[in-house]
N, C-alpha and C. Protein backbone atom coordinates (compact mmCIF):
# COMPACT_ATOMS: atom_id res chain seq x y z
N MET A 1 -20.61 21.79 19.33
CA MET A 1 -20.68 20.78 20.37
C MET A 1 -19.49 19.82 20.28
N LEU A 2 -19.15 19.38 19.06
CA LEU A 2 -18.02 18.47 18.91
C LEU A 2 -16.72 19.11 19.34
N VAL A 3 -16.57 20.39 19.05
CA VAL A 3 -15.36 21.10 19.44
C VAL A 3 -15.25 21.13 20.96
N VAL A 4 -16.35 21.41 21.63
CA VAL A 4 -16.35 21.47 23.09
C VAL A 4 -16.02 20.10 23.67
N ARG A 5 -16.60 19.03 23.13
CA ARG A 5 -16.31 17.67 23.60
C ARG A 5 -14.83 17.35 23.47
N ARG A 6 -14.27 17.71 22.32
CA ARG A 6 -12.85 17.43 22.09
C ARG A 6 -11.99 18.24 23.06
N TRP A 7 -12.38 19.51 23.29
CA TRP A 7 -11.63 20.38 24.17
C TRP A 7 -11.70 19.90 25.61
N LEU A 8 -12.87 19.47 26.05
CA LEU A 8 -13.06 19.01 27.42
C LEU A 8 -12.49 17.61 27.64
N GLY A 9 -12.38 16.83 26.58
CA GLY A 9 -11.88 15.48 26.73
C GLY A 9 -13.00 14.49 26.91
N SER A 10 -12.65 13.24 26.98
CA SER A 10 -13.66 12.20 27.12
C SER A 10 -14.00 11.98 28.58
N SER A 11 -15.07 11.25 28.81
CA SER A 11 -15.49 10.95 30.17
C SER A 11 -14.81 9.70 30.71
N GLU A 12 -13.83 9.17 29.97
CA GLU A 12 -13.15 7.95 30.39
C GLU A 12 -11.89 8.25 31.19
N GLY A 13 -11.88 9.37 31.87
CA GLY A 13 -10.74 9.70 32.70
C GLY A 13 -9.48 9.98 31.90
N GLY A 14 -9.63 10.61 30.76
CA GLY A 14 -8.47 10.98 29.96
C GLY A 14 -8.01 9.91 29.00
N LYS A 15 -8.60 8.76 29.06
CA LYS A 15 -8.22 7.69 28.14
C LYS A 15 -8.95 7.90 26.82
N GLN A 16 -8.19 8.21 25.80
CA GLN A 16 -8.80 8.39 24.49
C GLN A 16 -8.53 7.15 23.67
N LYS A 17 -9.50 6.79 22.86
CA LYS A 17 -9.34 5.63 22.00
C LYS A 17 -8.34 5.96 20.90
N GLU A 18 -7.38 5.09 20.73
CA GLU A 18 -6.38 5.29 19.69
C GLU A 18 -6.84 4.54 18.45
N VAL A 19 -6.83 5.22 17.32
CA VAL A 19 -7.24 4.60 16.07
C VAL A 19 -6.07 3.81 15.53
N TYR A 20 -6.29 2.54 15.27
CA TYR A 20 -5.23 1.69 14.74
C TYR A 20 -5.18 1.79 13.23
N ARG A 21 -4.01 2.09 12.70
CA ARG A 21 -3.82 2.18 11.26
C ARG A 21 -2.87 1.07 10.84
N ARG A 22 -3.33 0.24 9.91
CA ARG A 22 -2.47 -0.84 9.41
C ARG A 22 -1.33 -0.26 8.61
N THR A 23 -0.21 -0.94 8.65
CA THR A 23 0.97 -0.53 7.91
C THR A 23 1.40 -1.67 7.00
N PHE A 24 2.35 -1.37 6.10
CA PHE A 24 2.91 -2.43 5.27
C PHE A 24 3.53 -3.51 6.16
N ARG A 25 4.11 -3.11 7.27
CA ARG A 25 4.72 -4.08 8.19
C ARG A 25 3.66 -5.08 8.68
N ASP A 26 2.48 -4.57 9.02
CA ASP A 26 1.38 -5.45 9.46
C ASP A 26 1.01 -6.44 8.36
N LEU A 27 0.91 -5.94 7.14
CA LEU A 27 0.53 -6.81 6.01
C LEU A 27 1.60 -7.86 5.75
N ILE A 28 2.88 -7.48 5.82
CA ILE A 28 3.96 -8.44 5.61
C ILE A 28 3.89 -9.54 6.65
N ARG A 29 3.64 -9.17 7.91
CA ARG A 29 3.51 -10.16 8.99
C ARG A 29 2.26 -11.02 8.79
N ASP A 30 1.11 -10.39 8.56
CA ASP A 30 -0.15 -11.12 8.45
C ASP A 30 -0.18 -12.09 7.27
N TYR A 31 0.41 -11.68 6.15
CA TYR A 31 0.41 -12.52 4.95
C TYR A 31 1.70 -13.32 4.78
N GLN A 32 2.59 -13.27 5.78
CA GLN A 32 3.85 -14.01 5.77
C GLN A 32 4.63 -13.76 4.48
N LEU A 33 4.89 -12.49 4.20
CA LEU A 33 5.52 -12.09 2.95
C LEU A 33 7.02 -11.85 3.06
N ALA A 34 7.61 -12.13 4.20
CA ALA A 34 9.05 -11.88 4.36
C ALA A 34 9.82 -12.56 3.23
N GLY A 35 10.63 -11.78 2.52
CA GLY A 35 11.41 -12.30 1.40
C GLY A 35 10.73 -12.20 0.05
N ARG A 36 9.41 -12.02 0.04
CA ARG A 36 8.67 -11.92 -1.23
C ARG A 36 8.04 -10.56 -1.43
N ALA A 37 7.99 -9.76 -0.40
CA ALA A 37 7.32 -8.46 -0.47
C ALA A 37 8.14 -7.47 -1.29
N ARG A 38 7.46 -6.75 -2.14
CA ARG A 38 8.07 -5.69 -2.96
C ARG A 38 7.27 -4.42 -2.75
N ARG A 39 7.96 -3.32 -2.67
CA ARG A 39 7.32 -2.01 -2.52
C ARG A 39 7.60 -1.24 -3.81
N LEU A 40 6.53 -0.93 -4.57
CA LEU A 40 6.67 -0.36 -5.90
C LEU A 40 5.82 0.90 -6.04
N ALA A 41 6.45 2.00 -6.43
CA ALA A 41 5.75 3.28 -6.60
C ALA A 41 5.31 3.43 -8.05
N ILE A 42 4.08 3.88 -8.24
CA ILE A 42 3.55 4.11 -9.59
C ILE A 42 4.04 5.47 -10.08
N ARG A 43 4.80 5.46 -11.18
CA ARG A 43 5.36 6.69 -11.74
C ARG A 43 4.38 7.34 -12.71
N LYS A 44 4.63 8.60 -12.99
CA LYS A 44 3.83 9.36 -13.94
C LYS A 44 3.85 8.65 -15.29
N GLY A 45 2.68 8.51 -15.91
CA GLY A 45 2.57 7.87 -17.22
C GLY A 45 2.41 6.37 -17.18
N SER A 46 2.35 5.77 -16.00
CA SER A 46 2.20 4.32 -15.88
C SER A 46 0.87 3.87 -16.48
N PRO A 47 0.88 2.74 -17.20
CA PRO A 47 -0.38 2.22 -17.74
C PRO A 47 -1.34 1.71 -16.66
N LEU A 48 -0.87 1.62 -15.42
CA LEU A 48 -1.73 1.18 -14.31
C LEU A 48 -2.68 2.28 -13.84
N ILE A 49 -2.30 3.53 -14.06
CA ILE A 49 -3.07 4.67 -13.55
C ILE A 49 -4.47 4.70 -14.16
N GLY A 50 -5.46 4.83 -13.27
CA GLY A 50 -6.85 4.93 -13.72
C GLY A 50 -7.55 3.60 -13.91
N HIS A 51 -6.85 2.50 -13.63
CA HIS A 51 -7.45 1.17 -13.78
C HIS A 51 -7.62 0.51 -12.42
N SER A 52 -8.66 -0.31 -12.30
CA SER A 52 -8.87 -1.05 -11.06
C SER A 52 -7.98 -2.29 -11.08
N LEU A 53 -7.74 -2.85 -9.90
CA LEU A 53 -6.92 -4.05 -9.81
C LEU A 53 -7.53 -5.21 -10.60
N ASP A 54 -8.86 -5.32 -10.59
CA ASP A 54 -9.52 -6.38 -11.36
C ASP A 54 -9.25 -6.25 -12.85
N GLU A 55 -9.25 -5.04 -13.36
CA GLU A 55 -9.03 -4.81 -14.79
C GLU A 55 -7.61 -5.18 -15.23
N LEU A 56 -6.66 -5.06 -14.32
CA LEU A 56 -5.25 -5.22 -14.69
C LEU A 56 -4.77 -6.66 -14.76
N HIS A 57 -5.41 -7.57 -14.04
CA HIS A 57 -5.04 -9.00 -14.05
C HIS A 57 -3.55 -9.20 -13.75
N LEU A 58 -3.04 -8.50 -12.74
CA LEU A 58 -1.62 -8.57 -12.43
C LEU A 58 -1.19 -9.95 -11.94
N ARG A 59 -2.07 -10.65 -11.25
CA ARG A 59 -1.73 -11.98 -10.74
C ARG A 59 -1.53 -12.96 -11.90
N SER A 60 -2.45 -12.98 -12.85
CA SER A 60 -2.34 -13.95 -13.95
C SER A 60 -1.26 -13.54 -14.95
N ARG A 61 -1.05 -12.25 -15.16
CA ARG A 61 -0.06 -11.80 -16.14
C ARG A 61 1.37 -11.80 -15.61
N TYR A 62 1.55 -11.46 -14.34
CA TYR A 62 2.90 -11.30 -13.80
C TYR A 62 3.17 -12.09 -12.51
N GLY A 63 2.16 -12.73 -11.97
CA GLY A 63 2.34 -13.40 -10.69
C GLY A 63 2.45 -12.41 -9.53
N ALA A 64 1.88 -11.23 -9.71
CA ALA A 64 1.97 -10.16 -8.71
C ALA A 64 0.64 -10.00 -7.98
N ASN A 65 0.66 -10.17 -6.67
CA ASN A 65 -0.53 -9.98 -5.85
C ASN A 65 -0.39 -8.68 -5.07
N VAL A 66 -1.24 -7.70 -5.35
CA VAL A 66 -1.20 -6.43 -4.62
C VAL A 66 -1.92 -6.64 -3.29
N VAL A 67 -1.18 -6.47 -2.20
CA VAL A 67 -1.71 -6.73 -0.86
C VAL A 67 -2.12 -5.45 -0.15
N GLY A 68 -1.46 -4.35 -0.48
CA GLY A 68 -1.76 -3.07 0.16
C GLY A 68 -1.35 -1.91 -0.73
N ILE A 69 -1.91 -0.75 -0.45
CA ILE A 69 -1.62 0.45 -1.22
C ILE A 69 -1.44 1.62 -0.26
N GLU A 70 -0.32 2.33 -0.39
CA GLU A 70 -0.12 3.58 0.33
C GLU A 70 -0.50 4.71 -0.61
N ARG A 71 -1.26 5.65 -0.09
CA ARG A 71 -1.71 6.78 -0.91
C ARG A 71 -1.59 8.06 -0.08
N TRP A 72 -1.20 9.15 -0.72
CA TRP A 72 -1.11 10.44 -0.04
C TRP A 72 -2.49 11.07 0.06
N ARG A 73 -2.85 11.45 1.27
CA ARG A 73 -4.09 12.19 1.53
C ARG A 73 -3.78 13.27 2.55
N ARG A 74 -4.08 14.48 2.17
CA ARG A 74 -3.89 15.62 3.08
C ARG A 74 -2.52 15.62 3.75
N PHE A 75 -1.50 15.52 2.94
CA PHE A 75 -0.11 15.65 3.38
C PHE A 75 0.40 14.49 4.24
N ARG A 76 -0.25 13.34 4.17
CA ARG A 76 0.27 12.17 4.88
C ARG A 76 -0.11 10.91 4.12
N ARG A 77 0.65 9.86 4.36
CA ARG A 77 0.36 8.59 3.72
C ARG A 77 -0.69 7.83 4.52
N VAL A 78 -1.60 7.21 3.80
CA VAL A 78 -2.61 6.36 4.43
C VAL A 78 -2.64 5.03 3.68
N MET A 79 -3.09 4.01 4.36
CA MET A 79 -3.26 2.70 3.73
C MET A 79 -4.64 2.63 3.10
N VAL A 80 -4.69 2.14 1.88
CA VAL A 80 -5.94 1.95 1.15
C VAL A 80 -6.11 0.46 0.93
N SER A 81 -7.31 -0.05 1.10
CA SER A 81 -7.56 -1.47 0.87
C SER A 81 -7.30 -1.82 -0.59
N ALA A 82 -6.64 -2.94 -0.78
CA ALA A 82 -6.35 -3.42 -2.14
C ALA A 82 -7.44 -4.40 -2.55
N THR A 83 -8.59 -3.87 -2.92
CA THR A 83 -9.70 -4.71 -3.39
C THR A 83 -9.73 -4.67 -4.91
N GLY A 84 -10.48 -5.54 -5.50
CA GLY A 84 -10.58 -5.59 -6.95
C GLY A 84 -11.04 -4.30 -7.58
N GLY A 85 -11.87 -3.55 -6.88
CA GLY A 85 -12.39 -2.31 -7.42
C GLY A 85 -11.53 -1.08 -7.16
N THR A 86 -10.42 -1.26 -6.43
CA THR A 86 -9.56 -0.12 -6.12
C THR A 86 -8.88 0.39 -7.38
N GLU A 87 -9.09 1.67 -7.67
CA GLU A 87 -8.47 2.29 -8.85
C GLU A 87 -7.11 2.87 -8.46
N LEU A 88 -6.11 2.57 -9.25
CA LEU A 88 -4.75 3.01 -8.95
C LEU A 88 -4.52 4.43 -9.45
N ARG A 89 -3.67 5.15 -8.71
CA ARG A 89 -3.36 6.55 -9.02
C ARG A 89 -1.85 6.75 -9.09
N GLU A 90 -1.48 7.82 -9.77
CA GLU A 90 -0.07 8.21 -9.80
C GLU A 90 0.39 8.46 -8.36
N ARG A 91 1.59 8.04 -8.05
CA ARG A 91 2.23 8.18 -6.74
C ARG A 91 1.75 7.16 -5.71
N ASP A 92 0.78 6.30 -6.05
CA ASP A 92 0.44 5.21 -5.13
C ASP A 92 1.68 4.34 -4.97
N VAL A 93 1.83 3.78 -3.79
CA VAL A 93 2.91 2.82 -3.54
C VAL A 93 2.25 1.49 -3.24
N LEU A 94 2.59 0.48 -4.03
CA LEU A 94 1.98 -0.83 -3.91
C LEU A 94 2.85 -1.76 -3.08
N LEU A 95 2.23 -2.52 -2.20
CA LEU A 95 2.92 -3.63 -1.54
C LEU A 95 2.51 -4.86 -2.33
N VAL A 96 3.48 -5.49 -2.97
CA VAL A 96 3.21 -6.59 -3.89
C VAL A 96 3.88 -7.85 -3.38
N ASP A 97 3.13 -8.95 -3.38
CA ASP A 97 3.66 -10.28 -3.10
C ASP A 97 4.06 -10.85 -4.45
N MET A 98 5.37 -10.97 -4.67
CA MET A 98 5.86 -11.41 -5.98
C MET A 98 7.15 -12.18 -5.77
N SER A 99 7.16 -13.45 -6.12
CA SER A 99 8.36 -14.27 -5.93
C SER A 99 9.16 -14.39 -7.22
N ALA A 100 9.05 -13.40 -8.09
CA ALA A 100 9.75 -13.42 -9.38
C ALA A 100 11.25 -13.18 -9.19
N SER A 101 12.01 -13.57 -10.19
CA SER A 101 13.45 -13.31 -10.18
C SER A 101 13.67 -11.81 -10.34
N GLU A 102 14.89 -11.37 -10.07
CA GLU A 102 15.21 -9.95 -10.21
C GLU A 102 15.02 -9.48 -11.65
N VAL A 103 15.32 -10.34 -12.62
CA VAL A 103 15.14 -10.00 -14.04
C VAL A 103 13.66 -9.79 -14.34
N ASP A 104 12.81 -10.72 -13.87
CA ASP A 104 11.36 -10.59 -14.09
C ASP A 104 10.81 -9.35 -13.40
N LEU A 105 11.30 -9.07 -12.20
CA LEU A 105 10.85 -7.89 -11.46
C LEU A 105 11.23 -6.62 -12.22
N ARG A 106 12.46 -6.55 -12.71
CA ARG A 106 12.89 -5.37 -13.47
C ARG A 106 12.04 -5.19 -14.73
N GLU A 107 11.73 -6.29 -15.41
CA GLU A 107 10.90 -6.23 -16.62
C GLU A 107 9.49 -5.74 -16.28
N PHE A 108 8.91 -6.28 -15.22
CA PHE A 108 7.59 -5.86 -14.76
C PHE A 108 7.59 -4.36 -14.46
N CYS A 109 8.59 -3.89 -13.73
CA CYS A 109 8.67 -2.47 -13.37
C CYS A 109 8.87 -1.60 -14.61
N ARG A 110 9.66 -2.06 -15.55
CA ARG A 110 9.89 -1.29 -16.77
C ARG A 110 8.60 -1.17 -17.58
N GLU A 111 7.91 -2.29 -17.79
CA GLU A 111 6.67 -2.30 -18.58
C GLU A 111 5.57 -1.44 -17.94
N GLN A 112 5.47 -1.50 -16.63
CA GLN A 112 4.37 -0.83 -15.94
C GLN A 112 4.76 0.54 -15.37
N MET A 113 5.99 0.95 -15.63
CA MET A 113 6.51 2.24 -15.14
C MET A 113 6.37 2.34 -13.62
N LEU A 114 6.98 1.37 -12.95
CA LEU A 114 6.99 1.32 -11.49
C LEU A 114 8.41 1.54 -11.01
N GLU A 115 8.53 2.16 -9.87
CA GLU A 115 9.84 2.41 -9.27
C GLU A 115 9.98 1.56 -8.01
N PRO A 116 10.92 0.60 -8.01
CA PRO A 116 11.14 -0.19 -6.80
C PRO A 116 11.60 0.71 -5.66
N MET A 117 11.05 0.46 -4.49
CA MET A 117 11.40 1.25 -3.31
C MET A 117 11.84 0.29 -2.22
N VAL A 118 12.68 0.78 -1.35
CA VAL A 118 13.20 -0.03 -0.26
C VAL A 118 12.12 -0.21 0.80
N LEU A 119 12.07 -1.41 1.36
CA LEU A 119 11.21 -1.64 2.53
C LEU A 119 12.03 -1.19 3.72
N ARG A 120 11.82 0.03 4.17
CA ARG A 120 12.63 0.64 5.22
C ARG A 120 12.36 0.02 6.58
N GLY A 121 13.14 0.49 7.56
CA GLY A 121 13.13 -0.04 8.91
C GLY A 121 11.77 -0.32 9.51
N GLU A 122 10.78 0.55 9.29
CA GLU A 122 9.47 0.35 9.92
C GLU A 122 8.77 -0.90 9.40
N TYR A 123 9.25 -1.47 8.30
CA TYR A 123 8.60 -2.64 7.73
C TYR A 123 9.25 -3.94 8.20
N PHE A 124 10.44 -3.86 8.76
CA PHE A 124 11.13 -5.07 9.20
C PHE A 124 10.77 -5.38 10.64
N PHE A 125 11.01 -6.62 11.03
CA PHE A 125 10.65 -7.08 12.37
C PHE A 125 11.85 -7.12 13.27
């Protein structure tokens, strides 16, 4: 039945509801992170892997607030809510609000085995 409905289309005259997916750009705008946002990929062997955000205490230890997480699912990136119970995985990409100096950022990335990534065009306004 679902297949037939999808094949025939909706009864709204061809207007299908578009599912809105939040992006890092949305989070940067909503949380006013321009200039403070960092995009950090979790590398293999990182001590963050397998731990929840609450367990890691990143805000108190490093001044790092994880605002969003990109995760690969079925061959595409999706946004995952950054709640206290969210468990981090290898290859997750974190959007972090961190106003640390470049030296502090490098130290944080070295200790936690994170790879800084560029906030590409889709994230800028």
